[in-house]
Amino acid sequence: MGFWARQVTPRLVAGNESDAIVDLRRRACAGLRGEVVELGFGSGNNVGLYPPEVTRVVAVEPSDVGWGLGEKRRASSTVPVVRGGLDGQHLDLPDDSADAVLSTFTLCTIPDVAAALAEVRRVLRPGGALHFLEHGIAPDESIRRWQRRLEPLQKRAFDGCHLTRPIDRIVAESGLEVVDVDRAYAPMPRLMRPWAFGYLGRAVKR
């Protein structure tokens, strides 16, 4: 992990978000309960959005800078948040130990996303769900072309972030059952559409 990924990217993604994005995060958190593993906790943009049924959040976050930027948010959280690992591809957690997993704008960046989702499936209890909010490949070919052109730059600027991952298909191929998913462009200017197509849903371990 180079200087840019260590020091710059965590700060770029830690700023204030629009009300529309916060509302999408709130929808992703709806229905969470019990012991929740959060992949890519970052600086804690979901803190304050967890339902009261959540008893603890185990945060998986590789960036010490991102973790440090979230200190005030964690201190103000009504839900205990503990750091539970640095790598979503290798979760240091027992089998069947989590009631839910939360991933928001994280599956785009993990290098081996299939390995990470296999770990999610392993640590989820039967009946537990992955709640996800992710950006990915758009349905319109004109936007897809721009996503393919921009992806090399995007990966360099944002620590490996992909623009072209078909999130719903990747989750389904992990063995989790996608029980609902909304696919739509976020309310952003048209020029931002290569970054704006999102997937909001849940996938259950049967």
Protein backbone atom coordinates (compact mmCIF):
# COMPACT_ATOMS: atom_id res chain seq x y z
CA MET A 1 0.00 0.00 0.00
CA GLY A 2 1.64 3.24 -1.18
CA PHE A 3 1.58 6.74 0.25
CA TRP A 4 -1.47 7.81 -1.76
CA ALA A 5 -3.51 4.80 -0.63
CA ARG A 6 -2.36 5.15 2.98
CA GLN A 7 -2.66 8.89 3.47
CA VAL A 8 -4.75 10.49 0.72
CA THR A 9 -7.56 8.10 -0.24
CA PRO A 10 -8.91 7.73 3.34
CA ARG A 11 -9.21 11.52 3.58
CA LEU A 12 -10.88 11.82 0.17
CA VAL A 13 -13.68 9.46 1.20
CA ALA A 14 -14.10 10.75 4.77
CA GLY A 15 -15.82 14.03 3.97
CA ASN A 16 -19.44 15.01 4.39
CA GLU A 17 -21.92 13.28 2.08
CA SER A 18 -25.12 14.49 0.46
CA ASP A 19 -28.45 13.87 2.16
CA ALA A 20 -29.31 11.44 -0.67
CA ILE A 21 -26.25 9.26 0.02
CA VAL A 22 -26.90 9.34 3.78
CA ASP A 23 -30.47 8.19 3.10
CA LEU A 24 -29.16 5.29 0.99
CA ARG A 25 -26.82 4.32 3.82
CA ARG A 26 -29.75 4.43 6.24
CA ARG A 27 -31.72 2.08 3.98
CA ALA A 28 -28.76 -0.29 3.79
CA CYS A 29 -28.58 -0.39 7.60
CA ALA A 30 -32.32 -1.01 8.04
CA GLY A 31 -32.99 -4.45 9.53
CA LEU A 32 -29.52 -4.96 10.97
CA ARG A 33 -29.54 -6.62 14.39
CA GLY A 34 -27.31 -8.33 16.92
CA GLU A 35 -23.62 -8.79 16.11
CA VAL A 36 -22.80 -6.96 12.88
CA VAL A 37 -19.55 -7.19 10.91
CA GLU A 38 -18.93 -4.06 8.84
CA LEU A 39 -16.57 -4.44 5.90
CA GLY A 40 -14.63 -1.31 5.03
CA PHE A 41 -15.68 0.71 8.07
CA GLY A 42 -13.55 3.66 6.91
CA SER A 43 -14.09 6.73 9.07
CA GLY A 44 -17.49 5.50 10.23
CA ASN A 45 -20.00 7.09 7.86
CA ASN A 46 -22.63 4.56 8.97
CA VAL A 47 -22.27 5.37 12.68
CA GLY A 48 -25.54 6.87 13.86
CA LEU A 49 -27.53 4.92 11.27
CA TYR A 50 -27.45 1.50 12.95
CA PRO A 51 -30.87 0.35 14.23
CA PRO A 52 -31.30 -0.04 18.02
CA GLU A 53 -31.40 -3.82 17.57
CA VAL A 54 -27.66 -3.82 16.78
CA THR A 55 -25.70 -4.85 19.88
CA ARG A 56 -22.14 -4.51 18.55
CA VAL A 57 -20.29 -3.65 15.34
CA VAL A 58 -17.07 -5.46 14.48
CA ALA A 59 -15.32 -3.09 12.09
CA VAL A 60 -12.98 -4.46 9.42
CA GLU A 61 -10.80 -1.57 8.26
CA PRO A 62 -7.31 -1.80 6.71
CA SER A 63 -6.47 1.91 6.93
CA ASP A 64 -5.08 3.27 10.19
CA VAL A 65 -5.69 6.78 8.86
CA GLY A 66 -9.34 6.02 8.12
CA TRP A 67 -9.74 4.41 11.53
CA GLY A 68 -8.21 7.47 13.21
CA LEU A 69 -10.48 9.85 11.29
CA GLY A 70 -13.49 7.98 12.69
CA GLU A 71 -12.48 8.34 16.34
CA LYS A 72 -15.05 11.03 17.20
CA ARG A 73 -17.85 9.16 15.45
CA ARG A 74 -17.02 5.95 17.30
CA ALA A 75 -16.86 7.80 20.62
CA SER A 76 -20.33 9.22 20.05
CA SER A 77 -21.87 5.93 18.92
CA THR A 78 -24.60 4.37 21.04
CA VAL A 79 -23.52 1.00 19.61
CA PRO A 80 -20.12 -0.40 20.66
CA VAL A 81 -17.69 -0.47 17.72
CA VAL A 82 -14.54 -2.59 17.90
CA ARG A 83 -11.87 -3.06 15.26
CA GLY A 84 -12.04 -6.67 14.16
CA GLY A 85 -9.42 -7.04 11.45
CA LEU A 86 -7.64 -5.40 8.56
CA ASP A 87 -8.54 -7.61 5.59
CA GLY A 88 -12.01 -8.49 4.36
CA GLN A 89 -10.53 -11.38 2.37
CA HIS A 90 -9.38 -13.12 5.58
CA LEU A 91 -11.75 -12.44 8.49
CA ASP A 92 -10.33 -13.38 11.87
CA LEU A 93 -13.77 -14.42 13.11
CA PRO A 94 -15.36 -17.78 13.96
CA ASP A 95 -17.74 -19.58 11.63
CA ASP A 96 -21.44 -18.70 12.07
CA SER A 97 -20.64 -15.87 14.48
CA ALA A 98 -22.34 -12.83 12.90
CA ASP A 99 -26.02 -12.00 12.69
CA ALA A 100 -25.39 -9.67 9.74
CA VAL A 101 -22.67 -8.17 7.58
CA LEU A 102 -22.76 -4.60 6.28
CA SER A 103 -20.83 -3.44 3.21
CA THR A 104 -21.17 0.09 1.86
CA PHE A 105 -18.96 1.19 -1.04
CA THR A 106 -16.44 -1.54 -0.20
CA LEU A 107 -16.89 -4.46 -2.62
CA CYS A 108 -15.67 -2.19 -5.41
CA THR A 109 -12.21 -1.98 -3.81
CA ILE A 110 -11.40 -5.39 -2.30
CA PRO A 111 -8.89 -7.06 -4.68
CA ASP A 112 -10.29 -10.61 -4.38
CA VAL A 113 -13.98 -9.89 -3.93
CA ALA A 114 -14.93 -13.57 -4.31
CA ALA A 115 -12.69 -14.47 -1.37
CA ALA A 116 -14.21 -11.69 0.71
CA LEU A 117 -17.75 -12.86 -0.01
CA ALA A 118 -16.77 -16.45 0.81
CA GLU A 119 -15.61 -15.14 4.18
CA VAL A 120 -18.88 -13.26 4.61
CA ARG A 121 -20.80 -16.47 3.96
CA ARG A 122 -18.59 -18.36 6.42
CA VAL A 123 -19.03 -15.96 9.34
CA LEU A 124 -22.76 -15.39 8.87
CA ARG A 125 -25.12 -17.48 10.94
CA PRO A 126 -27.75 -19.40 8.93
CA GLY A 127 -30.50 -16.91 8.19
CA GLY A 128 -28.12 -13.98 8.57
CA ALA A 129 -27.86 -11.43 5.78
CA LEU A 130 -25.34 -9.32 3.93
CA HIS A 131 -26.66 -5.76 3.60
CA PHE A 132 -24.93 -4.01 0.72
CA LEU A 133 -24.83 -0.56 -0.87
CA GLU A 134 -22.32 -0.48 -3.72
CA HIS A 135 -21.63 1.29 -6.99
CA GLY A 136 -20.85 -0.74 -10.08
CA ILE A 137 -21.43 -1.42 -13.74
CA ALA A 138 -24.25 0.60 -15.27
CA PRO A 139 -26.97 -0.81 -17.57
CA ASP A 140 -26.42 1.74 -20.35
CA GLU A 141 -23.70 0.91 -22.85
CA SER A 142 -22.75 4.56 -23.30
CA ILE A 143 -22.04 4.81 -19.56
CA ARG A 144 -20.29 1.44 -19.52
CA ARG A 145 -17.85 2.66 -22.16
CA TRP A 146 -16.92 5.59 -19.95
CA GLN A 147 -16.63 3.32 -16.92
CA ARG A 148 -14.17 1.09 -18.77
CA ARG A 149 -12.14 4.10 -19.91
CA LEU A 150 -12.05 5.69 -16.47
CA GLU A 151 -11.47 2.57 -14.40
CA PRO A 152 -7.64 2.52 -14.63
CA LEU A 153 -7.48 6.11 -13.31
CA GLN A 154 -10.14 5.36 -10.70
CA LYS A 155 -8.15 2.39 -9.41
CA ARG A 156 -5.01 4.50 -9.06
CA ALA A 157 -6.75 7.43 -7.35
CA PHE A 158 -8.99 5.43 -5.02
CA ASP A 159 -6.89 2.47 -3.87
CA GLY A 160 -8.06 -0.10 -6.40
CA CYS A 161 -11.70 0.99 -6.68
CA HIS A 162 -13.44 -0.60 -9.70
CA LEU A 163 -16.25 0.99 -11.69
CA THR A 164 -17.29 -2.10 -13.66
CA ARG A 165 -18.13 -4.79 -11.11
CA PRO A 166 -21.63 -6.34 -11.50
CA ILE A 167 -22.33 -6.31 -7.78
CA ASP A 168 -25.61 -8.25 -7.75
CA ARG A 169 -24.14 -11.06 -9.88
CA ILE A 170 -20.96 -11.24 -7.80
CA VAL A 171 -22.97 -11.52 -4.58
CA ALA A 172 -25.25 -14.20 -6.06
CA GLU A 173 -22.24 -16.22 -7.25
CA SER A 174 -20.92 -16.33 -3.67
CA GLY A 175 -23.65 -18.74 -2.62
CA LEU A 176 -25.67 -16.13 -0.77
CA GLU A 177 -29.28 -15.75 -1.91
CA VAL A 178 -30.06 -12.23 -3.10
CA VAL A 179 -33.54 -11.61 -1.70
CA ASP A 180 -33.94 -8.01 -2.80
CA VAL A 181 -31.92 -5.48 -4.74
CA ASP A 182 -32.64 -2.00 -6.05
CA ARG A 183 -30.59 -0.83 -9.01
CA ALA A 184 -30.61 2.87 -9.87
CA TYR A 185 -28.55 5.94 -10.58
CA ALA A 186 -27.94 8.11 -7.54
CA PRO A 187 -29.21 11.70 -7.87
CA MET A 188 -26.01 13.19 -9.26
CA PRO A 189 -25.20 15.38 -12.29
CA ARG A 190 -25.23 13.46 -15.57
CA LEU A 191 -21.47 13.86 -15.96
CA MET A 192 -21.07 11.81 -12.78
CA ARG A 193 -23.06 8.85 -14.09
CA PRO A 194 -20.02 6.54 -14.46
CA TRP A 195 -19.77 6.71 -10.66
CA ALA A 196 -23.48 6.96 -9.88
CA PHE A 197 -25.06 3.59 -10.68
CA GLY A 198 -25.73 1.74 -7.44
CA TYR A 199 -26.92 -1.55 -6.01
CA LEU A 200 -28.81 -1.57 -2.69
CA GLY A 201 -29.91 -4.94 -1.36
CA ARG A 202 -29.73 -7.94 0.94
CA ALA A 203 -28.45 -11.47 0.44
CA VAL A 204 -29.19 -14.25 2.93
CA LYS A 205 -27.22 -17.31 4.01
CA ARG A 206 -29.62 -20.23 3.85
